[in-house]
Amino acid sequence: MKFDVVIVGSGVGGYPAALYLADKGFKIAVVEEHLVGGECTNYGCVPTKAFYHFAESVKFIEKISGQVYYKWIDLVEWVKNIVRESREGLEYLLQAREVTLLRGKGILAGPGRVVVEASNGKSSVECNSVILALGTDPADIPIARFDGVGVISNREALYLQEKPSRVLIIGGGVVGVELANIYSSLGVDVTIVEILEHILPFTDRDIALALKTHLAQRGVRVLEKTSVIGVEKKGSFYHAKLSSGEVLEVEKIIVAVGRRPKTSGVGLENIGVKLDEKGYIIVGENMETNVKNIYAAGDVVGGPLLAHKAILESLVAARSIVKEDVFKVDYKLVPLTIFTGLEVASLGYTEKELNAVGVKYLKFRIPVYFLSAVKIKGYKNAFVKIIVDESRERVLGIHLVAPNASEVISAYLPLYLGKLGVKEASRIPYPHLTISESLRDIAEYILGEPIHTIIKK
């Protein structure tokens, strides 16, 4: 079989390019060894957020001493149905664009040649260009290797057939805190162990502290500067020994310490594709590797492992193949979003990053519990922080710690891009009652004309 472009991987790093190129008249094949939609659709974004929104609904009802009755297995089946519908939607888009879907593992056999290894044998396809959207796998650690039963990753964590009573989460990054929030909201006893100084170690301390407080209020034990030094299975439980000497007895251990690129065993060495020291594929601004006509996009090229970043990279690769104008992905413009009730949304630079390179800055931070939209949600430690350069003309970083921050950050994007000035933002009638009103409030604060806050002298 001969195609113009073969895309290895149907996740968010692959399918956007397939659809774009098909619309341009290219003959496209997508190779997928598992489930269409990849990690985001099947194990990450979609099932996690389905669980998350249900869990937040439960907590909201509990605010007025209400009780929620549900069957865990029914919840899991509902999540599965959401995932299935999302996956089928992507399959329909590929089919409607006449994209050929090849089931199996794609291996580069040489320039312009991809071998597809399926359960019923091997086949070979030829093409002019290849886009590698291989994705990543969850990483485990020597002391806690995945066994698929009790020591698990995010892939199993949301599809358990029975609700666990106690879980240990190793790793206080995005996946760890999101799962901790979900499980604790649904009545599971949760402990997070983070080896570094604080959870969310890539963020500023004030953000991490706010989220730690929030998780603690939901009953999560957060143990920082702590590691797991031993794991032993005893009957149906696991005993985890901590560096503090404490031994935890839990039903499940969720290892959330990061990801590993899926770059081994796929033939990259056959054509000389270069990798960085962590095993991620090295690409240029147009997403082309060091080998002509071989592109890569999504998590497999490193950077922030976020779906909205992968979609743009996929389209950049497609536009490069079409020889259209290629836009540069601004990775500081890619919002980091953490879905934890008290959500976190950040873009640009953190104080930690600016301090590390000696850049001087001004910081403006206001609590936003005075907003009725926040009061209704009930998060007293919500705040907004904007970092600007000393001239106050350039916004260097925007950080929201508030309910619905994942949505509201979009309203702040024009401020970071320089498309919206602080004075202009202070005069925009953002809808009331919403958390987007915080943008007008902090703009007024920066101008020294606050209405709902007080400047301490």
Protein backbone atom coordinates (compact mmCIF):
# COMPACT_ATOMS: atom_id res chain seq x y z
CA MET A 1 0.00 0.00 0.00
CA LYS A 2 1.17 3.50 -0.80
CA PHE A 3 0.18 6.69 1.03
CA ASP A 4 1.23 10.29 0.96
CA VAL A 5 1.61 10.39 4.74
CA VAL A 6 1.59 7.68 7.40
CA ILE A 7 0.88 8.84 10.94
CA VAL A 8 1.94 6.48 13.72
CA GLY A 9 -0.40 7.12 16.63
CA SER A 10 -4.01 8.34 16.71
CA GLY A 11 -3.86 10.46 19.85
CA VAL A 12 -3.97 14.25 19.99
CA GLY A 13 -0.52 14.39 18.45
CA GLY A 14 -1.66 12.36 15.45
CA TYR A 15 -5.31 12.62 14.49
CA PRO A 16 -5.41 16.45 13.97
CA ALA A 17 -2.69 16.14 11.31
CA ALA A 18 -4.53 13.24 9.70
CA LEU A 19 -7.75 15.23 9.39
CA TYR A 20 -5.98 18.39 8.20
CA LEU A 21 -3.96 16.58 5.54
CA ALA A 22 -6.95 14.56 4.35
CA ASP A 23 -8.87 17.81 3.83
CA LYS A 24 -5.97 19.00 1.66
CA GLY A 25 -6.38 15.99 -0.61
CA PHE A 26 -3.58 13.82 0.76
CA LYS A 27 -3.93 10.07 1.01
CA ILE A 28 -3.47 9.32 4.71
CA ALA A 29 -3.01 6.23 6.85
CA VAL A 30 -3.06 6.22 10.65
CA VAL A 31 -1.42 3.32 12.46
CA GLU A 32 -2.81 2.59 15.93
CA GLU A 33 -1.74 -0.35 18.07
CA HIS A 34 -4.32 0.13 20.79
CA LEU A 35 -7.29 2.53 21.03
CA VAL A 36 -8.06 5.46 18.76
CA GLY A 37 -7.60 8.71 20.65
CA GLY A 38 -4.54 7.59 22.57
CA GLU A 39 -3.83 8.45 26.18
CA CYS A 40 -5.93 11.60 26.40
CA THR A 41 -9.17 10.08 25.19
CA ASN A 42 -8.88 6.69 26.83
CA TYR A 43 -6.87 7.15 30.04
CA GLY A 44 -6.15 10.82 30.64
CA CYS A 45 -8.17 13.94 29.91
CA VAL A 46 -11.57 12.41 29.16
CA PRO A 47 -12.04 9.77 31.89
CA THR A 48 -10.26 11.88 34.50
CA LYS A 49 -12.50 14.89 33.90
CA ALA A 50 -15.64 12.74 33.80
CA PHE A 51 -14.76 11.35 37.23
CA TYR A 52 -13.73 14.82 38.39
CA HIS A 53 -17.00 16.54 37.57
CA PHE A 54 -19.00 13.78 39.25
CA ALA A 55 -16.79 14.00 42.34
CA GLU A 56 -17.22 17.78 42.53
CA SER A 57 -20.99 17.37 42.30
CA VAL A 58 -20.87 15.00 45.27
CA LYS A 59 -18.85 17.49 47.33
CA PHE A 60 -21.22 20.31 46.41
CA ILE A 61 -24.25 18.41 47.66
CA GLU A 62 -22.39 17.50 50.85
CA LYS A 63 -21.95 21.23 51.62
CA ILE A 64 -25.59 21.33 52.73
CA SER A 65 -25.35 18.00 54.58
CA GLY A 66 -26.85 16.22 51.61
CA GLN A 67 -26.10 12.61 50.78
CA VAL A 68 -25.43 11.02 47.42
CA TYR A 69 -26.13 7.39 46.70
CA TYR A 70 -24.48 5.75 43.71
CA LYS A 71 -22.93 2.44 42.78
CA TRP A 72 -19.21 2.58 42.05
CA ILE A 73 -19.51 0.14 39.18
CA ASP A 74 -22.25 2.29 37.62
CA LEU A 75 -19.98 5.33 37.88
CA VAL A 76 -17.17 3.46 36.17
CA GLU A 77 -19.52 2.28 33.42
CA TRP A 78 -20.72 5.86 32.89
CA VAL A 79 -17.10 7.00 32.54
CA LYS A 80 -16.45 4.18 30.08
CA ASN A 81 -19.42 5.28 27.99
CA ILE A 82 -18.16 8.87 27.87
CA VAL A 83 -14.76 7.59 26.73
CA ARG A 84 -16.33 5.29 24.17
CA GLU A 85 -18.43 8.09 22.70
CA SER A 86 -15.38 10.34 22.45
CA ARG A 87 -13.36 7.60 20.79
CA GLU A 88 -16.14 6.76 18.35
CA GLY A 89 -16.39 10.44 17.47
CA LEU A 90 -12.75 10.46 16.44
CA GLU A 91 -13.15 7.22 14.50
CA TYR A 92 -16.07 8.79 12.63
CA LEU A 93 -14.00 11.87 11.73
CA LEU A 94 -11.21 9.68 10.35
CA GLN A 95 -13.67 7.55 8.39
CA ALA A 96 -15.53 10.61 7.04
CA ARG A 97 -12.20 12.01 5.75
CA GLU A 98 -11.40 8.62 4.15
CA VAL A 99 -8.35 8.16 6.35
CA THR A 100 -7.20 4.53 6.38
CA LEU A 101 -6.92 3.17 9.92
CA LEU A 102 -4.33 0.39 10.23
CA ARG A 103 -4.54 -1.62 13.44
CA GLY A 104 -1.18 -2.68 14.82
CA LYS A 105 2.20 -1.41 15.94
CA GLY A 106 3.96 0.88 13.49
CA ILE A 107 7.71 0.33 13.04
CA LEU A 108 9.97 2.39 10.81
CA ALA A 109 11.68 -0.05 8.48
CA GLY A 110 13.49 2.54 6.37
CA PRO A 111 12.96 5.86 4.61
CA GLY A 112 9.36 6.00 3.46
CA ARG A 113 8.51 2.53 4.74
CA VAL A 114 6.47 1.55 7.80
CA VAL A 115 5.82 -2.02 8.89
CA VAL A 116 2.57 -2.63 10.75
CA GLU A 117 2.74 -5.53 13.21
CA ALA A 118 -0.74 -6.82 14.02
CA SER A 119 -2.02 -9.93 15.79
CA ASN A 120 -2.76 -11.55 12.42
CA GLY A 121 0.63 -10.82 10.87
CA LYS A 122 2.72 -8.06 9.35
CA SER A 123 2.09 -5.68 6.49
CA SER A 124 4.17 -2.97 4.92
CA VAL A 125 3.17 0.48 3.71
CA GLU A 126 5.09 3.07 1.75
CA CYS A 127 4.78 6.82 2.02
CA ASN A 128 6.41 10.14 1.28
CA SER A 129 6.30 11.44 4.86
CA VAL A 130 5.81 10.06 8.36
CA ILE A 131 4.48 11.76 11.48
CA LEU A 132 5.42 10.02 14.72
CA ALA A 133 2.79 10.61 17.40
CA LEU A 134 3.95 7.77 19.61
CA GLY A 135 3.02 9.25 22.97
CA THR A 136 4.30 8.17 26.36
CA ASP A 137 3.76 5.42 28.91
CA PRO A 138 3.38 5.84 32.69
CA ALA A 139 6.69 5.45 34.52
CA ASP A 140 7.09 3.31 37.60
CA ILE A 141 9.98 3.11 40.07
CA PRO A 142 12.18 0.20 41.20
CA ILE A 143 10.56 0.02 44.62
CA ALA A 144 7.05 -0.04 43.14
CA ARG A 145 6.81 -1.80 39.82
CA PHE A 146 3.42 -1.97 38.13
CA ASP A 147 1.67 -5.29 38.64
CA GLY A 148 -1.66 -4.26 37.12
CA VAL A 149 -3.53 -5.29 40.26
CA GLY A 150 -2.47 -3.31 43.30
CA VAL A 151 0.45 -1.24 42.05
CA ILE A 152 -1.12 0.68 39.20
CA SER A 153 -0.92 3.76 36.98
CA ASN A 154 -3.49 6.31 35.91
CA ARG A 155 -4.57 3.87 33.22
CA GLU A 156 -6.06 1.48 35.75
CA ALA A 157 -6.90 3.98 38.49
CA LEU A 158 -10.20 5.15 36.98
CA TYR A 159 -11.42 1.77 35.79
CA LEU A 160 -11.29 -0.18 39.06
CA GLN A 161 -14.24 -2.53 39.42
CA GLU A 162 -14.46 -1.93 43.14
CA LYS A 163 -14.00 1.27 45.11
CA PRO A 164 -10.84 1.04 47.24
CA SER A 165 -10.95 2.10 50.87
CA ARG A 166 -7.35 3.33 51.14
CA VAL A 167 -4.85 4.34 48.47
CA LEU A 168 -1.30 5.62 48.42
CA ILE A 169 -0.30 7.94 45.59
CA ILE A 170 3.42 8.16 44.90
CA GLY A 171 4.11 11.51 43.29
CA GLY A 172 2.60 14.92 43.91
CA GLY A 173 2.56 16.18 40.33
CA VAL A 174 -0.51 16.95 38.23
CA VAL A 175 -1.70 13.34 37.90
CA GLY A 176 -1.12 12.66 41.59
CA VAL A 177 -3.03 15.64 42.93
CA GLU A 178 -5.90 15.25 40.46
CA LEU A 179 -6.39 11.62 41.43
CA ALA A 180 -6.07 12.50 45.12
CA ASN A 181 -8.81 15.12 44.76
CA ILE A 182 -11.11 12.71 42.91
CA TYR A 183 -10.66 9.77 45.25
CA SER A 184 -10.87 11.77 48.47
CA SER A 185 -14.02 13.53 47.22
CA LEU A 186 -15.60 10.12 46.77
CA GLY A 187 -14.76 8.98 50.31
CA VAL A 188 -11.49 7.13 49.74
CA ASP A 189 -8.71 7.53 52.33
CA VAL A 190 -5.81 9.03 50.38
CA THR A 191 -2.15 9.67 51.17
CA ILE A 192 0.19 11.46 48.75
CA VAL A 193 3.93 11.01 49.09
CA GLU A 194 6.15 13.56 47.35
CA ILE A 195 9.93 13.20 47.51
CA LEU A 196 10.66 16.87 46.79
CA GLU A 197 10.14 19.91 49.00
CA HIS A 198 6.51 20.42 48.06
CA ILE A 199 3.81 19.00 45.82
CA LEU A 200 3.63 20.50 42.32
CA PRO A 201 7.39 21.19 42.51
CA PHE A 202 7.35 23.00 39.15
CA THR A 203 5.04 25.71 40.55
CA ASP A 204 5.62 28.51 43.03
CA ARG A 205 5.36 27.67 46.70
CA ASP A 206 2.21 29.78 47.26
CA ILE A 207 0.36 27.78 44.61
CA ALA A 208 1.52 24.47 46.05
CA LEU A 209 0.59 25.56 49.58
CA ALA A 210 -2.91 26.59 48.51
CA LEU A 211 -3.50 23.25 46.86
CA LYS A 212 -1.99 21.34 49.78
CA THR A 213 -4.41 23.14 52.11
CA HIS A 214 -7.31 22.34 49.81
CA LEU A 215 -6.41 18.64 49.64
CA ALA A 216 -5.96 18.50 53.41
CA GLN A 217 -9.45 19.96 53.82
CA ARG A 218 -10.73 17.05 51.75
CA GLY A 219 -8.99 14.59 54.03
CA VAL A 220 -5.86 13.91 51.98
CA ARG A 221 -2.62 13.34 53.89
CA VAL A 222 0.14 15.15 52.02
CA LEU A 223 3.61 13.96 53.01
CA GLU A 224 6.33 16.10 51.44
CA LYS A 225 10.09 15.44 51.49
CA THR A 226 9.13 11.80 51.93
CA SER A 227 9.81 8.72 49.81
CA VAL A 228 8.66 5.11 49.67
CA ILE A 229 11.53 2.80 50.54
CA GLY A 230 9.74 -0.54 50.56
CA VAL A 231 6.56 -2.20 49.29
CA GLU A 232 5.32 -5.59 50.42
CA LYS A 233 2.10 -7.35 49.47
CA LYS A 234 0.30 -8.97 52.38
CA GLY A 235 -2.92 -10.70 51.43
CA SER A 236 -5.15 -8.24 49.66
CA PHE A 237 -3.26 -5.23 51.02
CA TYR A 238 0.08 -3.58 50.35
CA HIS A 239 2.40 -2.37 53.09
CA ALA A 240 4.40 0.68 52.03
CA LYS A 241 7.32 1.69 54.22
CA LEU A 242 8.12 5.40 54.12
CA SER A 243 11.45 7.15 54.64
CA SER A 244 9.98 8.55 57.88
CA GLY A 245 9.69 5.00 59.22
CA GLU A 246 5.90 4.92 58.98
CA VAL A 247 4.27 1.90 57.35
CA LEU A 248 1.03 2.44 55.42
CA GLU A 249 -1.46 -0.36 54.74
CA VAL A 250 -3.39 0.35 51.56
CA GLU A 251 -5.42 -1.48 48.94
CA LYS A 252 -3.92 0.30 45.96
CA ILE A 253 -0.66 2.09 45.24
CA ILE A 254 -0.92 4.53 42.36
CA VAL A 255 2.47 5.43 40.91
CA ALA A 256 2.31 8.93 39.41
CA VAL A 257 5.97 9.89 39.06
CA GLY A 258 5.98 10.89 35.40
CA ARG A 259 6.01 9.48 31.89
CA ARG A 260 8.41 7.69 29.54
CA PRO A 261 8.47 8.34 25.77
CA LYS A 262 7.48 5.37 23.62
CA THR A 263 10.59 5.57 21.46
CA SER A 264 12.08 2.11 21.85
CA GLY A 265 11.21 -0.80 19.59
CA VAL A 266 9.71 1.39 16.87
CA GLY A 267 12.65 1.43 14.46
CA LEU A 268 13.94 4.94 15.06
CA GLU A 269 17.46 3.59 14.91
CA ASN A 270 16.78 2.14 11.46
CA ILE A 271 16.73 5.61 9.93
CA GLY A 272 18.79 7.54 12.48
CA VAL A 273 16.15 9.67 14.24
CA LYS A 274 17.88 11.51 17.09
CA LEU A 275 16.65 11.47 20.68
CA ASP A 276 17.49 13.68 23.64
CA GLU A 277 19.00 12.41 26.90
CA LYS A 278 15.54 11.45 28.22
CA GLY A 279 14.57 9.52 25.09
CA TYR A 280 12.26 12.13 23.54
CA ILE A 281 12.43 12.80 19.80
CA ILE A 282 14.29 15.99 18.88
CA VAL A 283 12.44 18.21 16.41
CA GLY A 284 12.75 21.67 14.93
CA GLU A 285 10.14 24.44 14.99
CA ASN A 286 8.36 22.78 12.05
CA MET A 287 8.25 19.48 13.99
CA GLU A 288 10.62 17.79 11.52
CA THR A 289 13.24 15.46 12.97
CA ASN A 290 16.85 15.35 11.83
CA VAL A 291 15.69 12.94 9.11
CA LYS A 292 14.03 14.59 6.13
CA ASN A 293 10.29 13.96 5.81
CA ILE A 294 10.09 12.36 9.25
CA TYR A 295 8.10 14.49 11.70
CA ALA A 296 7.05 14.02 15.31
CA ALA A 297 4.43 15.67 17.51
CA GLY A 298 2.79 15.42 20.91
CA ASP A 299 4.15 13.95 24.11
CA VAL A 300 6.88 12.01 22.30
CA VAL A 301 8.78 15.25 21.61
CA GLY A 302 8.76 16.29 25.28
CA GLY A 303 7.93 19.73 26.60
CA PRO A 304 4.69 20.18 28.51
CA LEU A 305 2.82 16.89 28.16
CA LEU A 306 -0.52 18.53 27.48
CA ALA A 307 -3.20 17.72 24.92
CA HIS A 308 -3.73 21.31 23.80
CA LYS A 309 -0.02 21.62 23.08
CA ALA A 310 0.01 18.33 21.15
CA ILE A 311 -2.88 19.42 18.91
CA LEU A 312 -0.96 22.52 17.78
CA GLU A 313 2.22 20.52 17.16
CA SER A 314 0.27 18.03 15.10
CA LEU A 315 -1.11 20.84 12.93
CA VAL A 316 2.35 22.42 12.58
CA ALA A 317 3.68 19.09 11.27
CA ALA A 318 0.77 18.86 8.82
CA ARG A 319 1.28 22.41 7.58
CA SER A 320 4.97 21.70 7.12
CA ILE A 321 4.18 18.74 4.90
CA VAL A 322 1.71 20.83 2.88
CA LYS A 323 4.43 23.53 2.68
CA GLU A 324 2.11 26.15 4.11
CA ASP A 325 3.13 28.92 6.48
CA VAL A 326 4.14 27.30 9.75
CA PHE A 327 3.39 29.04 13.04
CA LYS A 328 5.72 28.62 15.97
CA VAL A 329 4.28 27.02 19.08
CA ASP A 330 4.91 29.35 22.03
CA TYR A 331 5.30 26.89 24.87
CA LYS A 332 5.04 29.60 27.52
CA LEU A 333 1.61 30.38 26.08
CA VAL A 334 0.39 26.83 26.67
CA PRO A 335 -1.70 26.98 29.86
CA LEU A 336 -1.03 24.43 32.55
CA THR A 337 -4.35 23.39 34.05
CA ILE A 338 -4.88 21.26 37.13
CA PHE A 339 -8.42 20.05 37.85
CA THR A 340 -8.73 19.80 41.62
CA GLY A 341 -11.89 21.67 42.63
CA LEU A 342 -9.71 24.57 43.67
CA GLU A 343 -8.19 24.53 40.20
CA VAL A 344 -4.80 25.81 39.09
CA ALA A 345 -4.20 27.45 35.73
CA SER A 346 -0.87 29.02 34.80
CA LEU A 347 0.85 30.40 31.75
CA GLY A 348 4.11 32.24 31.19
CA TYR A 349 6.80 32.22 33.85
CA THR A 350 6.70 31.35 37.53
CA GLU A 351 8.52 33.35 40.17
CA LYS A 352 10.76 30.34 40.64
CA GLU A 353 11.82 30.41 36.98
CA LEU A 354 12.44 34.16 36.95
CA ASN A 355 14.47 34.03 40.17
CA ALA A 356 16.57 31.20 38.74
CA VAL A 357 17.73 33.37 35.82
CA GLY A 358 17.95 36.61 37.77
CA VAL A 359 15.09 38.45 36.07
CA LYS A 360 13.62 41.23 38.18
CA TYR A 361 9.87 41.47 38.31
CA LEU A 362 6.87 42.89 40.14
CA LYS A 363 4.17 40.67 41.58
CA PHE A 364 0.51 41.51 42.05
CA ARG A 365 -1.59 39.04 43.97
CA ILE A 366 -5.11 39.36 45.29
CA PRO A 367 -7.38 36.89 47.10
CA VAL A 368 -10.60 36.35 45.20
CA TYR A 369 -12.87 34.85 47.84
CA PHE A 370 -14.72 38.19 47.85
CA LEU A 371 -16.19 37.17 44.49
CA SER A 372 -19.60 35.65 45.10
CA ALA A 373 -18.90 33.09 42.36
CA VAL A 374 -15.98 31.84 44.47
CA LYS A 375 -17.98 31.97 47.72
CA ILE A 376 -20.61 29.70 46.20
CA LYS A 377 -17.91 27.19 45.39
CA GLY A 378 -16.43 27.68 48.86
CA TYR A 379 -12.68 28.14 48.35
CA LYS A 380 -11.36 30.72 50.80
CA ASN A 381 -7.72 30.32 49.70
CA ALA A 382 -8.39 31.19 46.05
CA PHE A 383 -6.19 33.88 44.54
CA VAL A 384 -4.92 35.44 41.32
CA LYS A 385 -1.29 36.36 40.74
CA ILE A 386 0.12 38.37 37.85
CA ILE A 387 3.86 38.84 37.33
CA VAL A 388 5.06 41.80 35.25
CA ASP A 389 8.43 43.26 34.33
CA GLU A 390 9.76 46.30 36.19
CA SER A 391 8.32 48.65 33.59
CA ARG A 392 4.87 47.14 34.18
CA GLU A 393 4.47 46.99 30.40
CA ARG A 394 4.97 43.27 29.85
CA VAL A 395 3.12 40.48 31.59
CA LEU A 396 5.55 37.65 32.38
CA GLY A 397 3.26 35.19 34.09
CA ILE A 398 -0.38 34.64 35.05
CA HIS A 399 -1.40 32.21 37.78
CA LEU A 400 -4.96 31.47 38.86
CA VAL A 401 -5.79 29.35 41.89
CA ALA A 402 -9.56 29.33 41.87
CA PRO A 403 -12.60 27.26 40.92
CA ASN A 404 -13.07 27.14 37.15
CA ALA A 405 -9.51 28.44 36.63
CA SER A 406 -9.14 26.03 33.70
CA GLU A 407 -11.85 27.96 31.86
CA VAL A 408 -11.08 31.45 33.14
CA ILE A 409 -7.41 31.37 32.04
CA SER A 410 -8.62 31.86 28.47
CA ALA A 411 -9.91 35.32 29.42
CA TYR A 412 -6.42 36.21 30.66
CA LEU A 413 -4.62 35.08 27.48
CA PRO A 414 -4.99 38.45 25.66
CA LEU A 415 -3.31 40.15 28.65
CA TYR A 416 -0.29 37.87 28.37
CA LEU A 417 -0.17 38.30 24.59
CA GLY A 418 -0.15 42.08 24.92
CA LYS A 419 -3.44 42.30 23.01
CA LEU A 420 -5.18 43.69 26.09
CA GLY A 421 -3.84 46.38 28.41
CA VAL A 422 -4.41 46.55 32.14
CA LYS A 423 -6.40 49.78 31.78
CA GLU A 424 -8.59 48.18 29.11
CA ALA A 425 -9.16 45.11 31.27
CA SER A 426 -10.30 47.33 34.15
CA ARG A 427 -13.09 48.72 31.97
CA ILE A 428 -14.49 45.48 30.53
CA PRO A 429 -17.87 44.40 31.96
CA TYR A 430 -17.02 40.76 32.64
CA PRO A 431 -20.24 38.85 33.42
CA HIS A 432 -21.48 38.82 36.99
CA LEU A 433 -21.46 36.33 38.84
CA THR A 434 -18.40 34.70 37.29
CA ILE A 435 -14.82 34.11 38.24
CA SER A 436 -13.71 35.90 35.08
CA GLU A 437 -14.54 39.11 36.97
CA SER A 438 -11.24 38.56 38.76
CA LEU A 439 -9.46 39.94 35.70
CA ARG A 440 -11.13 43.33 36.09
CA ASP A 441 -10.43 43.28 39.83
CA ILE A 442 -6.74 42.58 39.56
CA ALA A 443 -6.42 45.11 36.72
CA GLU A 444 -7.93 47.73 39.02
CA TYR A 445 -5.55 46.63 41.77
CA ILE A 446 -2.50 46.99 39.50
CA LEU A 447 -3.67 50.48 38.51
CA GLY A 448 -4.01 51.40 42.18
CA GLU A 449 -7.77 51.85 41.85
CA PRO A 450 -9.25 48.74 43.49
CA ILE A 451 -12.97 48.57 44.19
CA HIS A 452 -13.34 45.21 45.90
CA THR A 453 -9.89 44.92 47.46
CA ILE A 454 -7.78 47.09 49.74
CA ILE A 455 -4.21 48.16 49.08
CA LYS A 456 -2.30 47.85 52.35
CA LYS A 457 -0.03 50.82 53.01
